[in-house]
Amino acid sequence: MTHRQITGRLLIATHNAGKLVEMRDLLSPYGIEAVSAGEMNLPEPDETGVTFMENARIKAHAGAAVSGLPAFADDSGLSVDALGGAPGIYSARWAGPSKDFKTAMQKVEDALQAKDATTAEKRGCRFVAALCIAWPDGHTEEFEAHCPGTYIWPPRGDKGFGYDPAFLPEGHTKTFGELTREEKHGLPPLGPGLSHRARAFVQLAAACLKKP
């Protein structure tokens, strides 16, 4: 399969400041000029998909159509085994209109307690990231990856965003909320490429990016 290369200017189809920081960090070695949908005051499309990839695709195609630029969109969230995969694609909605993730993390904890999922063995979860790049002519590139871990309580750390303080990645002693940006999503040699977004980005970079 021949992949299309990303060159020049790229729209990052997000209004989420935390995701924007991570995406710009990941793109920085490739000489890509990245502008966000928020900075361009573009409307946010309705995310009507039933999977992470469907929602990423909706955002990428909407961004490309409005901006005339290749658009890079991410849809990601937390999937908790004991909750049947919830909050999943509704991860942001659990935080409500005010994006209150302290409340969202408490909702997950309350749901786990209701399921009597009080031990680490019953608290398996994963972050999922689906990345989609869409060009104005309709061409699409798609990549998806997971980062497995355990939902912990109480949350720890004030770094990252979203559910990061309650997520302990497999094989580690620090939560995503305690890790530095380099430790969480930095790619070698700066970091281990640990996060779900970094893992998906490794696939994307191999297919669609070249360092200058």
N, C-alpha and C. Protein backbone atom coordinates (compact mmCIF):
# COMPACT_ATOMS: atom_id res chain seq x y z
N MET A 1 0.84 -1.20 0.00
CA MET A 1 0.00 0.00 0.00
C MET A 1 0.88 1.25 0.00
N THR A 2 0.58 2.22 -0.86
CA THR A 2 1.31 3.47 -0.92
C THR A 2 0.61 4.51 -0.07
N HIS A 3 1.35 5.05 0.91
CA HIS A 3 0.80 6.07 1.78
C HIS A 3 1.13 7.46 1.24
N ARG A 4 0.28 8.41 1.52
CA ARG A 4 0.52 9.79 1.10
C ARG A 4 1.34 10.51 2.18
N GLN A 5 2.33 11.27 1.76
CA GLN A 5 3.18 12.00 2.68
C GLN A 5 2.55 13.33 3.09
N ILE A 6 2.76 13.70 4.34
CA ILE A 6 2.33 15.01 4.85
C ILE A 6 3.47 15.99 4.66
N THR A 7 3.20 17.10 4.02
CA THR A 7 4.21 18.13 3.83
C THR A 7 3.58 19.50 4.07
N GLY A 8 4.42 20.46 4.45
CA GLY A 8 3.94 21.82 4.59
C GLY A 8 3.03 22.05 5.78
N ARG A 9 1.87 22.64 5.51
CA ARG A 9 0.96 23.08 6.57
C ARG A 9 -0.09 22.02 6.86
N LEU A 10 -0.40 21.86 8.14
CA LEU A 10 -1.35 20.82 8.56
C LEU A 10 -2.31 21.40 9.59
N LEU A 11 -3.59 21.13 9.41
CA LEU A 11 -4.59 21.51 10.41
C LEU A 11 -4.70 20.41 11.45
N ILE A 12 -4.58 20.78 12.72
CA ILE A 12 -4.87 19.85 13.80
C ILE A 12 -6.32 20.10 14.21
N ALA A 13 -7.17 19.15 13.89
CA ALA A 13 -8.62 19.34 14.03
C ALA A 13 -9.05 19.06 15.47
N THR A 14 -8.64 19.96 16.38
CA THR A 14 -9.04 19.83 17.77
C THR A 14 -9.22 21.20 18.39
N HIS A 15 -10.08 21.27 19.40
CA HIS A 15 -10.22 22.45 20.24
C HIS A 15 -9.74 22.13 21.66
N ASN A 16 -9.15 20.95 21.85
CA ASN A 16 -8.66 20.49 23.15
C ASN A 16 -7.21 20.92 23.31
N ALA A 17 -6.96 21.80 24.27
CA ALA A 17 -5.61 22.35 24.43
C ALA A 17 -4.59 21.26 24.79
N GLY A 18 -4.99 20.28 25.61
CA GLY A 18 -4.08 19.22 25.99
C GLY A 18 -3.67 18.36 24.81
N LYS A 19 -4.65 17.99 23.99
CA LYS A 19 -4.34 17.20 22.80
C LYS A 19 -3.46 17.99 21.83
N LEU A 20 -3.74 19.29 21.71
CA LEU A 20 -2.97 20.13 20.80
C LEU A 20 -1.50 20.15 21.19
N VAL A 21 -1.21 20.27 22.47
CA VAL A 21 0.18 20.28 22.94
C VAL A 21 0.86 18.96 22.57
N GLU A 22 0.18 17.84 22.83
CA GLU A 22 0.78 16.54 22.53
C GLU A 22 1.01 16.37 21.03
N MET A 23 0.04 16.75 20.21
CA MET A 23 0.18 16.59 18.77
C MET A 23 1.32 17.46 18.22
N ARG A 24 1.42 18.69 18.72
CA ARG A 24 2.51 19.56 18.26
C ARG A 24 3.87 19.01 18.69
N ASP A 25 3.93 18.46 19.90
CA ASP A 25 5.18 17.84 20.36
C ASP A 25 5.59 16.71 19.42
N LEU A 26 4.62 15.88 19.05
CA LEU A 26 4.91 14.73 18.20
C LEU A 26 5.31 15.15 16.78
N LEU A 27 4.71 16.24 16.28
CA LEU A 27 4.98 16.68 14.92
C LEU A 27 6.25 17.53 14.80
N SER A 28 6.73 18.07 15.91
CA SER A 28 7.80 19.06 15.85
C SER A 28 9.08 18.60 15.14
N PRO A 29 9.48 17.31 15.22
CA PRO A 29 10.73 16.93 14.53
C PRO A 29 10.59 16.87 13.00
N TYR A 30 9.40 17.02 12.47
CA TYR A 30 9.18 16.77 11.05
C TYR A 30 9.02 18.04 10.22
N GLY A 31 9.20 19.18 10.85
CA GLY A 31 9.14 20.42 10.10
C GLY A 31 7.75 20.78 9.57
N ILE A 32 6.72 20.27 10.24
CA ILE A 32 5.34 20.53 9.82
C ILE A 32 4.82 21.78 10.53
N GLU A 33 4.25 22.70 9.80
CA GLU A 33 3.61 23.88 10.38
C GLU A 33 2.19 23.49 10.76
N ALA A 34 1.92 23.44 12.06
CA ALA A 34 0.62 22.97 12.53
C ALA A 34 -0.21 24.13 13.07
N VAL A 35 -1.45 24.23 12.59
CA VAL A 35 -2.40 25.22 13.08
C VAL A 35 -3.63 24.46 13.55
N SER A 36 -4.24 24.91 14.64
CA SER A 36 -5.37 24.16 15.19
C SER A 36 -6.71 24.71 14.74
N ALA A 37 -7.73 23.85 14.81
CA ALA A 37 -9.08 24.27 14.49
C ALA A 37 -9.54 25.38 15.43
N GLY A 38 -9.11 25.30 16.70
CA GLY A 38 -9.47 26.33 17.66
C GLY A 38 -8.88 27.68 17.28
N GLU A 39 -7.60 27.68 16.86
CA GLU A 39 -6.94 28.92 16.46
C GLU A 39 -7.58 29.53 15.22
N MET A 40 -8.13 28.68 14.34
CA MET A 40 -8.77 29.17 13.13
C MET A 40 -10.27 29.44 13.33
N ASN A 41 -10.74 29.24 14.57
CA ASN A 41 -12.16 29.46 14.90
C ASN A 41 -13.09 28.62 14.03
N LEU A 42 -12.67 27.39 13.75
CA LEU A 42 -13.51 26.49 12.96
C LEU A 42 -14.56 25.84 13.85
N PRO A 43 -15.73 25.55 13.32
CA PRO A 43 -16.76 24.89 14.13
C PRO A 43 -16.37 23.44 14.45
N GLU A 44 -16.87 22.96 15.57
CA GLU A 44 -16.65 21.57 15.93
C GLU A 44 -17.77 20.72 15.35
N PRO A 45 -17.46 19.71 14.55
CA PRO A 45 -18.53 18.87 13.98
C PRO A 45 -19.15 17.97 15.04
N ASP A 46 -20.37 17.54 14.80
CA ASP A 46 -21.02 16.58 15.69
C ASP A 46 -20.32 15.22 15.54
N GLU A 47 -19.90 14.67 16.67
CA GLU A 47 -19.23 13.37 16.66
C GLU A 47 -20.29 12.28 16.79
N THR A 48 -20.76 11.80 15.65
CA THR A 48 -21.88 10.86 15.62
C THR A 48 -21.43 9.42 15.39
N GLY A 49 -20.13 9.18 15.35
CA GLY A 49 -19.63 7.83 15.13
C GLY A 49 -19.84 6.94 16.34
N VAL A 50 -19.72 5.64 16.11
CA VAL A 50 -19.88 4.67 17.20
C VAL A 50 -18.54 4.03 17.57
N THR A 51 -17.47 4.47 16.92
CA THR A 51 -16.12 4.00 17.26
C THR A 51 -15.20 5.22 17.33
N PHE A 52 -14.04 5.04 17.95
CA PHE A 52 -13.06 6.12 17.99
C PHE A 52 -12.66 6.53 16.58
N MET A 53 -12.42 5.55 15.71
CA MET A 53 -11.97 5.88 14.36
C MET A 53 -13.04 6.62 13.57
N GLU A 54 -14.29 6.24 13.72
CA GLU A 54 -15.35 6.95 13.00
C GLU A 54 -15.39 8.42 13.41
N ASN A 55 -15.22 8.70 14.69
CA ASN A 55 -15.23 10.08 15.15
C ASN A 55 -13.99 10.84 14.69
N ALA A 56 -12.84 10.19 14.70
CA ALA A 56 -11.62 10.84 14.19
C ALA A 56 -11.80 11.18 12.72
N ARG A 57 -12.41 10.28 11.98
CA ARG A 57 -12.63 10.48 10.53
C ARG A 57 -13.57 11.67 10.30
N ILE A 58 -14.63 11.75 11.10
CA ILE A 58 -15.58 12.86 10.97
C ILE A 58 -14.86 14.19 11.18
N LYS A 59 -14.04 14.28 12.21
CA LYS A 59 -13.35 15.53 12.52
C LYS A 59 -12.32 15.88 11.46
N ALA A 60 -11.59 14.88 10.98
CA ALA A 60 -10.55 15.14 9.99
C ALA A 60 -11.16 15.62 8.67
N HIS A 61 -12.20 14.95 8.20
CA HIS A 61 -12.82 15.35 6.93
C HIS A 61 -13.49 16.72 7.04
N ALA A 62 -14.11 16.98 8.19
CA ALA A 62 -14.73 18.30 8.37
C ALA A 62 -13.67 19.40 8.36
N GLY A 63 -12.56 19.16 9.05
CA GLY A 63 -11.50 20.15 9.09
C GLY A 63 -10.88 20.40 7.73
N ALA A 64 -10.65 19.33 6.97
CA ALA A 64 -10.07 19.48 5.64
C ALA A 64 -11.00 20.23 4.70
N ALA A 65 -12.29 19.95 4.80
CA ALA A 65 -13.26 20.59 3.91
C ALA A 65 -13.36 22.09 4.17
N VAL A 66 -13.32 22.48 5.44
CA VAL A 66 -13.49 23.89 5.78
C VAL A 66 -12.20 24.68 5.58
N SER A 67 -11.05 24.07 5.90
CA SER A 67 -9.78 24.81 5.88
C SER A 67 -9.05 24.74 4.54
N GLY A 68 -9.34 23.70 3.75
CA GLY A 68 -8.59 23.49 2.52
C GLY A 68 -7.21 22.93 2.75
N LEU A 69 -6.92 22.51 4.00
CA LEU A 69 -5.62 21.93 4.36
C LEU A 69 -5.79 20.45 4.69
N PRO A 70 -4.72 19.66 4.59
CA PRO A 70 -4.77 18.33 5.18
C PRO A 70 -5.08 18.48 6.67
N ALA A 71 -5.94 17.66 7.20
CA ALA A 71 -6.37 17.79 8.59
C ALA A 71 -6.07 16.51 9.37
N PHE A 72 -5.50 16.69 10.53
CA PHE A 72 -5.07 15.61 11.40
C PHE A 72 -6.00 15.60 12.62
N ALA A 73 -6.77 14.54 12.80
CA ALA A 73 -7.70 14.47 13.92
C ALA A 73 -7.44 13.24 14.77
N ASP A 74 -7.72 13.40 16.03
CA ASP A 74 -7.57 12.32 17.00
C ASP A 74 -8.91 12.12 17.69
N ASP A 75 -9.28 10.87 17.92
CA ASP A 75 -10.35 10.60 18.87
C ASP A 75 -9.81 9.57 19.84
N SER A 76 -9.93 9.87 21.09
CA SER A 76 -9.33 8.99 22.09
C SER A 76 -10.17 8.98 23.34
N GLY A 77 -9.93 8.00 24.17
CA GLY A 77 -10.68 7.92 25.40
C GLY A 77 -10.26 6.74 26.24
N LEU A 78 -10.91 6.62 27.37
CA LEU A 78 -10.61 5.58 28.35
C LEU A 78 -11.65 4.47 28.25
N SER A 79 -11.19 3.25 28.15
CA SER A 79 -12.08 2.09 28.09
C SER A 79 -11.81 1.20 29.30
N VAL A 80 -12.79 1.04 30.17
CA VAL A 80 -12.62 0.28 31.42
C VAL A 80 -13.31 -1.08 31.28
N ASP A 81 -12.55 -2.14 31.48
CA ASP A 81 -13.06 -3.49 31.25
C ASP A 81 -14.32 -3.79 32.06
N ALA A 82 -14.29 -3.49 33.37
CA ALA A 82 -15.41 -3.83 34.25
C ALA A 82 -16.67 -3.05 33.92
N LEU A 83 -16.52 -1.98 33.15
CA LEU A 83 -17.68 -1.15 32.78
C LEU A 83 -18.10 -1.40 31.34
N GLY A 84 -17.68 -2.54 30.80
CA GLY A 84 -18.07 -2.89 29.44
C GLY A 84 -17.47 -1.97 28.39
N GLY A 85 -16.32 -1.37 28.70
CA GLY A 85 -15.66 -0.47 27.77
C GLY A 85 -15.98 1.00 27.98
N ALA A 86 -16.91 1.31 28.87
CA ALA A 86 -17.23 2.72 29.17
C ALA A 86 -16.06 3.35 29.95
N PRO A 87 -15.94 4.68 29.89
CA PRO A 87 -16.76 5.62 29.12
C PRO A 87 -16.50 5.61 27.61
N GLY A 88 -15.37 5.04 27.17
CA GLY A 88 -15.14 4.84 25.74
C GLY A 88 -15.25 6.11 24.92
N ILE A 89 -16.03 6.03 23.83
CA ILE A 89 -16.14 7.20 22.94
C ILE A 89 -16.86 8.36 23.63
N TYR A 90 -17.45 8.12 24.79
CA TYR A 90 -18.13 9.18 25.52
C TYR A 90 -17.26 9.74 26.65
N SER A 91 -15.96 9.47 26.61
CA SER A 91 -15.06 9.89 27.69
C SER A 91 -15.16 11.38 27.98
N ALA A 92 -15.17 12.21 26.94
CA ALA A 92 -15.27 13.65 27.15
C ALA A 92 -16.65 14.04 27.67
N ARG A 93 -17.68 13.34 27.21
CA ARG A 93 -19.04 13.69 27.63
C ARG A 93 -19.25 13.41 29.11
N TRP A 94 -18.55 12.43 29.66
CA TRP A 94 -18.66 12.15 31.10
C TRP A 94 -18.18 13.34 31.91
N ALA A 95 -17.37 14.21 31.31
CA ALA A 95 -16.88 15.39 32.00
C ALA A 95 -17.85 16.56 31.91
N GLY A 96 -18.91 16.42 31.11
CA GLY A 96 -19.92 17.46 31.00
C GLY A 96 -19.47 18.66 30.18
N PRO A 97 -20.37 19.62 29.98
CA PRO A 97 -20.07 20.80 29.17
C PRO A 97 -18.89 21.61 29.69
N SER A 98 -18.67 21.55 31.02
CA SER A 98 -17.58 22.32 31.62
C SER A 98 -16.24 21.59 31.58
N LYS A 99 -16.23 20.38 30.99
CA LYS A 99 -15.00 19.58 30.89
C LYS A 99 -14.38 19.35 32.28
N ASP A 100 -15.22 19.00 33.22
CA ASP A 100 -14.78 18.77 34.60
C ASP A 100 -14.36 17.30 34.75
N PHE A 101 -13.06 17.04 34.56
CA PHE A 101 -12.61 15.66 34.59
C PHE A 101 -12.43 15.12 36.01
N LYS A 102 -12.41 15.99 37.00
CA LYS A 102 -12.44 15.49 38.37
C LYS A 102 -13.76 14.77 38.61
N THR A 103 -14.83 15.38 38.13
CA THR A 103 -16.15 14.75 38.24
C THR A 103 -16.20 13.48 37.39
N ALA A 104 -15.64 13.53 36.19
CA ALA A 104 -15.64 12.35 35.32
C ALA A 104 -14.89 11.20 35.96
N MET A 105 -13.72 11.49 36.55
CA MET A 105 -12.96 10.42 37.22
C MET A 105 -13.74 9.84 38.39
N GLN A 106 -14.46 10.70 39.11
CA GLN A 106 -15.28 10.22 40.22
C GLN A 106 -16.41 9.34 39.71
N LYS A 107 -16.99 9.69 38.57
CA LYS A 107 -18.06 8.86 38.00
C LYS A 107 -17.55 7.46 37.67
N VAL A 108 -16.35 7.39 37.11
CA VAL A 108 -15.76 6.08 36.81
C VAL A 108 -15.54 5.31 38.10
N GLU A 109 -14.98 5.98 39.11
CA GLU A 109 -14.75 5.32 40.39
C GLU A 109 -16.05 4.82 41.02
N ASP A 110 -17.08 5.65 41.00
CA ASP A 110 -18.37 5.25 41.57
C ASP A 110 -18.93 4.04 40.83
N ALA A 111 -18.78 4.03 39.49
CA ALA A 111 -19.27 2.90 38.71
C ALA A 111 -18.50 1.63 39.02
N LEU A 112 -17.20 1.75 39.23
CA LEU A 112 -16.39 0.58 39.60
C LEU A 112 -16.77 0.07 40.99
N GLN A 113 -16.99 0.98 41.91
CA GLN A 113 -17.41 0.57 43.26
C GLN A 113 -18.75 -0.16 43.20
N ALA A 114 -19.65 0.32 42.35
CA ALA A 114 -20.95 -0.32 42.21
C ALA A 114 -20.83 -1.73 41.64
N LYS A 115 -19.76 -1.97 40.88
CA LYS A 115 -19.49 -3.30 40.31
C LYS A 115 -18.63 -4.14 41.25
N ASP A 116 -18.32 -3.61 42.45
CA ASP A 116 -17.43 -4.27 43.41
C ASP A 116 -16.05 -4.52 42.80
N ALA A 117 -15.64 -3.63 41.91
CA ALA A 117 -14.32 -3.73 41.29
C ALA A 117 -13.35 -2.89 42.12
N THR A 118 -12.91 -3.47 43.24
CA THR A 118 -12.10 -2.71 44.19
C THR A 118 -10.64 -3.13 44.21
N THR A 119 -10.28 -4.19 43.51
CA THR A 119 -8.89 -4.64 43.46
C THR A 119 -8.31 -4.35 42.09
N ALA A 120 -6.98 -4.29 42.03
CA ALA A 120 -6.30 -3.96 40.78
C ALA A 120 -6.68 -4.93 39.66
N GLU A 121 -6.86 -6.20 40.01
CA GLU A 121 -7.18 -7.21 39.00
C GLU A 121 -8.52 -6.94 38.32
N LYS A 122 -9.40 -6.24 39.01
CA LYS A 122 -10.73 -5.94 38.47
C LYS A 122 -10.80 -4.56 37.83
N ARG A 123 -9.67 -3.85 37.78
CA ARG A 123 -9.68 -2.47 37.32
C ARG A 123 -8.87 -2.27 36.04
N GLY A 124 -8.75 -3.31 35.26
CA GLY A 124 -8.04 -3.19 33.99
C GLY A 124 -8.73 -2.20 33.06
N CYS A 125 -7.93 -1.44 32.35
CA CYS A 125 -8.48 -0.45 31.43
C CYS A 125 -7.43 -0.14 30.37
N ARG A 126 -7.79 0.67 29.43
CA ARG A 126 -6.84 1.08 28.40
C ARG A 126 -7.25 2.43 27.84
N PHE A 127 -6.24 3.19 27.48
CA PHE A 127 -6.49 4.37 26.67
C PHE A 127 -6.40 3.95 25.21
N VAL A 128 -7.29 4.47 24.40
CA VAL A 128 -7.33 4.17 22.97
C VAL A 128 -7.17 5.48 22.20
N ALA A 129 -6.35 5.45 21.15
CA ALA A 129 -6.20 6.62 20.29
C ALA A 129 -6.38 6.21 18.84
N ALA A 130 -7.27 6.88 18.16
CA ALA A 130 -7.45 6.71 16.71
C ALA A 130 -7.02 8.01 16.05
N LEU A 131 -6.10 7.92 15.10
CA LEU A 131 -5.62 9.08 14.37
C LEU A 131 -6.06 8.98 12.92
N CYS A 132 -6.54 10.07 12.39
CA CYS A 132 -6.96 10.12 10.99
C CYS A 132 -6.42 11.40 10.35
N ILE A 133 -5.85 11.26 9.17
CA ILE A 133 -5.46 12.41 8.36
C ILE A 133 -6.32 12.39 7.11
N ALA A 134 -6.98 13.51 6.83
CA ALA A 134 -7.81 13.62 5.63
C ALA A 134 -7.34 14.80 4.80
N TRP A 135 -7.28 14.61 3.51
CA TRP A 135 -6.93 15.68 2.58
C TRP A 135 -8.22 16.24 1.95
N PRO A 136 -8.16 17.48 1.46
CA PRO A 136 -9.37 18.07 0.85
C PRO A 136 -9.94 17.26 -0.31
N ASP A 137 -9.10 16.45 -0.96
CA ASP A 137 -9.61 15.63 -2.07
C ASP A 137 -10.24 14.33 -1.61
N GLY A 138 -10.30 14.11 -0.27
CA GLY A 138 -10.95 12.92 0.26
C GLY A 138 -10.03 11.79 0.64
N HIS A 139 -8.74 11.88 0.27
CA HIS A 139 -7.80 10.82 0.65
C HIS A 139 -7.67 10.76 2.17
N THR A 140 -7.59 9.55 2.71
CA THR A 140 -7.57 9.35 4.17
C THR A 140 -6.49 8.36 4.56
N GLU A 141 -5.81 8.66 5.65
CA GLU A 141 -4.88 7.72 6.29
C GLU A 141 -5.33 7.54 7.74
N GLU A 142 -5.33 6.28 8.24
CA GLU A 142 -5.87 6.00 9.57
C GLU A 142 -4.96 5.06 10.35
N PHE A 143 -4.84 5.34 11.67
CA PHE A 143 -3.97 4.55 12.54
C PHE A 143 -4.59 4.49 13.94
N GLU A 144 -4.44 3.35 14.62
CA GLU A 144 -5.04 3.19 15.96
C GLU A 144 -4.10 2.41 16.86
N ALA A 145 -4.06 2.78 18.14
CA ALA A 145 -3.23 2.07 19.11
C ALA A 145 -3.84 2.17 20.50
N HIS A 146 -3.42 1.26 21.39
CA HIS A 146 -3.91 1.21 22.77
C HIS A 146 -2.73 1.30 23.74
N CYS A 147 -3.01 1.76 24.95
CA CYS A 147 -2.05 1.68 26.06
C CYS A 147 -2.79 1.06 27.24
N PRO A 148 -2.44 -0.18 27.62
CA PRO A 148 -3.14 -0.85 28.72
C PRO A 148 -2.66 -0.36 30.08
N GLY A 149 -3.54 -0.49 31.08
CA GLY A 149 -3.16 -0.07 32.43
C GLY A 149 -4.23 -0.45 33.44
N THR A 150 -4.19 0.26 34.58
CA THR A 150 -5.10 0.02 35.69
C THR A 150 -5.69 1.34 36.15
N TYR A 151 -6.97 1.33 36.46
CA TYR A 151 -7.63 2.52 37.00
C TYR A 151 -7.37 2.57 38.50
N ILE A 152 -6.71 3.64 38.97
CA ILE A 152 -6.37 3.72 40.39
C ILE A 152 -7.19 4.80 41.09
N TRP A 153 -7.27 4.68 42.40
CA TRP A 153 -7.96 5.68 43.21
C TRP A 153 -7.28 5.79 44.56
N PRO A 154 -7.01 6.99 45.07
CA PRO A 154 -7.32 8.29 44.46
C PRO A 154 -6.38 8.63 43.30
N PRO A 155 -6.79 9.57 42.45
CA PRO A 155 -5.92 9.99 41.35
C PRO A 155 -4.62 10.60 41.88
N ARG A 156 -3.57 10.53 41.04
CA ARG A 156 -2.28 11.07 41.45
C ARG A 156 -1.67 11.91 40.32
N GLY A 157 -1.17 13.08 40.69
CA GLY A 157 -0.45 13.92 39.73
C GLY A 157 -1.31 15.00 39.11
N ASP A 158 -0.64 16.07 38.71
CA ASP A 158 -1.35 17.21 38.11
C ASP A 158 -0.84 17.52 36.71
N LYS A 159 -0.12 16.58 36.11
CA LYS A 159 0.32 16.75 34.73
C LYS A 159 -0.70 16.10 33.79
N GLY A 160 -0.50 16.26 32.50
CA GLY A 160 -1.42 15.65 31.55
C GLY A 160 -2.77 16.33 31.59
N PHE A 161 -3.82 15.58 31.24
CA PHE A 161 -5.17 16.13 31.19
C PHE A 161 -6.16 14.97 31.20
N GLY A 162 -7.44 15.29 31.29
CA GLY A 162 -8.46 14.25 31.26
C GLY A 162 -8.34 13.28 32.41
N TYR A 163 -8.37 11.99 32.08
CA TYR A 163 -8.34 10.92 33.08
C TYR A 163 -6.92 10.53 33.48
N ASP A 164 -5.92 11.26 33.02
CA ASP A 164 -4.52 10.88 33.24
C ASP A 164 -4.17 10.57 34.70
N PRO A 165 -4.62 11.37 35.69
CA PRO A 165 -4.21 11.10 37.07
C PRO A 165 -4.71 9.78 37.63
N ALA A 166 -5.74 9.18 37.02
CA ALA A 166 -6.29 7.91 37.51
C ALA A 166 -5.82 6.71 36.70
N PHE A 167 -4.94 6.94 35.73
CA PHE A 167 -4.50 5.87 34.84
C PHE A 167 -3.05 5.50 35.12
N LEU A 168 -2.84 4.25 35.56
CA LEU A 168 -1.49 3.73 35.81
C LEU A 168 -1.13 2.80 34.66
N PRO A 169 -0.22 3.22 33.77
CA PRO A 169 0.12 2.38 32.62
C PRO A 169 0.81 1.10 33.04
N GLU A 170 0.54 0.05 32.33
CA GLU A 170 1.06 -1.27 32.62
C GLU A 170 2.59 -1.24 32.70
N GLY A 171 3.13 -1.82 33.79
CA GLY A 171 4.57 -1.91 33.95
C GLY A 171 5.22 -0.67 34.54
N HIS A 172 4.41 0.30 34.98
CA HIS A 172 4.95 1.56 35.49
C HIS A 172 4.42 1.83 36.90
N THR A 173 5.13 2.71 37.62
CA THR A 173 4.75 3.07 38.98
C THR A 173 4.18 4.47 39.07
N LYS A 174 4.25 5.23 37.98
CA LYS A 174 3.69 6.58 37.94
C LYS A 174 2.46 6.60 37.04
N THR A 175 1.47 7.38 37.45
CA THR A 175 0.30 7.57 36.59
C THR A 175 0.66 8.50 35.44
N PHE A 176 -0.23 8.54 34.43
CA PHE A 176 -0.05 9.52 33.36
C PHE A 176 -0.04 10.94 33.93
N GLY A 177 -0.73 11.15 35.03
CA GLY A 177 -0.77 12.47 35.65
C GLY A 177 0.51 12.84 36.37
N GLU A 178 1.38 11.87 36.60
CA GLU A 178 2.66 12.11 37.27
C GLU A 178 3.84 12.14 36.30
N LEU A 179 3.64 11.67 35.08
CA LEU A 179 4.72 11.61 34.10
C LEU A 179 4.93 12.96 33.42
N THR A 180 6.18 13.24 33.08
CA THR A 180 6.45 14.43 32.28
C THR A 180 5.97 14.21 30.86
N ARG A 181 5.92 15.28 30.09
CA ARG A 181 5.51 15.15 28.69
C ARG A 181 6.42 14.19 27.94
N GLU A 182 7.72 14.28 28.20
CA GLU A 182 8.66 13.39 27.52
C GLU A 182 8.44 11.94 27.92
N GLU A 183 8.18 11.70 29.22
CA GLU A 183 7.96 10.34 29.69
C GLU A 183 6.66 9.75 29.15
N LYS A 184 5.66 10.59 28.97
CA LYS A 184 4.35 10.10 28.55
C LYS A 184 4.29 9.86 27.04
N HIS A 185 4.68 10.88 26.26
CA HIS A 185 4.49 10.72 24.82
C HIS A 185 5.71 11.07 23.98
N GLY A 186 6.85 11.31 24.66
CA GLY A 186 8.07 11.57 23.90
C GLY A 186 8.52 10.32 23.15
N LEU A 187 8.96 10.52 21.93
CA LEU A 187 9.44 9.40 21.13
C LEU A 187 10.96 9.27 21.27
N PRO A 188 11.51 8.07 21.11
CA PRO A 188 12.96 7.89 21.22
C PRO A 188 13.70 8.88 20.32
N PRO A 189 14.81 9.48 20.81
CA PRO A 189 15.50 9.17 22.06
C PRO A 189 15.00 9.97 23.26
N LEU A 190 14.02 10.85 23.10
CA LEU A 190 13.55 11.69 24.19
C LEU A 190 12.69 10.93 25.19
N GLY A 191 11.95 9.94 24.74
CA GLY A 191 11.05 9.19 25.61
C GLY A 191 10.72 7.84 25.01
N PRO A 192 9.94 7.04 25.74
CA PRO A 192 9.68 5.66 25.30
C PRO A 192 8.50 5.49 24.35
N GLY A 193 7.83 6.59 23.98
CA GLY A 193 6.63 6.44 23.15
C GLY A 193 5.56 5.64 23.85
N LEU A 194 5.31 5.99 25.12
CA LEU A 194 4.45 5.18 25.98
C LEU A 194 2.96 5.34 25.70
N SER A 195 2.50 6.55 25.51
CA SER A 195 1.05 6.78 25.47
C SER A 195 0.39 6.17 24.24
N HIS A 196 -0.92 6.01 24.34
CA HIS A 196 -1.72 5.52 23.22
C HIS A 196 -1.55 6.41 22.00
N ARG A 197 -1.50 7.73 22.22
CA ARG A 197 -1.36 8.66 21.10
C ARG A 197 0.02 8.54 20.47
N ALA A 198 1.05 8.38 21.30
CA ALA A 198 2.41 8.21 20.78
C ALA A 198 2.52 6.92 19.99
N ARG A 199 1.90 5.86 20.47
CA ARG A 199 1.97 4.56 19.78
C ARG A 199 1.29 4.64 18.42
N ALA A 200 0.16 5.32 18.37
CA ALA A 200 -0.51 5.49 17.07
C ALA A 200 0.31 6.39 16.17
N PHE A 201 0.94 7.41 16.76
CA PHE A 201 1.72 8.34 15.97
C PHE A 201 2.95 7.67 15.35
N VAL A 202 3.54 6.71 16.05
CA VAL A 202 4.68 5.97 15.48
C VAL A 202 4.27 5.32 14.16
N GLN A 203 3.07 4.76 14.12
CA GLN A 203 2.57 4.14 12.89
C GLN A 203 2.37 5.20 11.81
N LEU A 204 1.76 6.33 12.21
CA LEU A 204 1.51 7.41 11.26
C LEU A 204 2.83 7.95 10.69
N ALA A 205 3.80 8.18 11.58
CA ALA A 205 5.08 8.75 11.13
C ALA A 205 5.79 7.84 10.15
N ALA A 206 5.75 6.54 10.42
CA ALA A 206 6.41 5.58 9.52
C ALA A 206 5.78 5.61 8.15
N ALA A 207 4.48 5.87 8.09
CA ALA A 207 3.76 5.83 6.82
C ALA A 207 3.75 7.16 6.08
N CYS A 208 3.65 8.28 6.83
CA CYS A 208 3.30 9.55 6.19
C CYS A 208 4.25 10.71 6.44
N LEU A 209 5.30 10.51 7.22
CA LEU A 209 6.17 11.63 7.56
C LEU A 209 7.63 11.31 7.27
N LYS A 210 8.38 12.33 6.93
CA LYS A 210 9.83 12.21 6.77
C LYS A 210 10.48 13.39 7.48
N LYS A 211 11.57 13.11 8.20
CA LYS A 211 12.29 14.20 8.87
C LYS A 211 13.06 15.00 7.83
N PRO A 212 13.10 16.34 8.00
CA PRO A 212 13.80 17.19 7.04
C PRO A 212 15.32 16.93 7.06
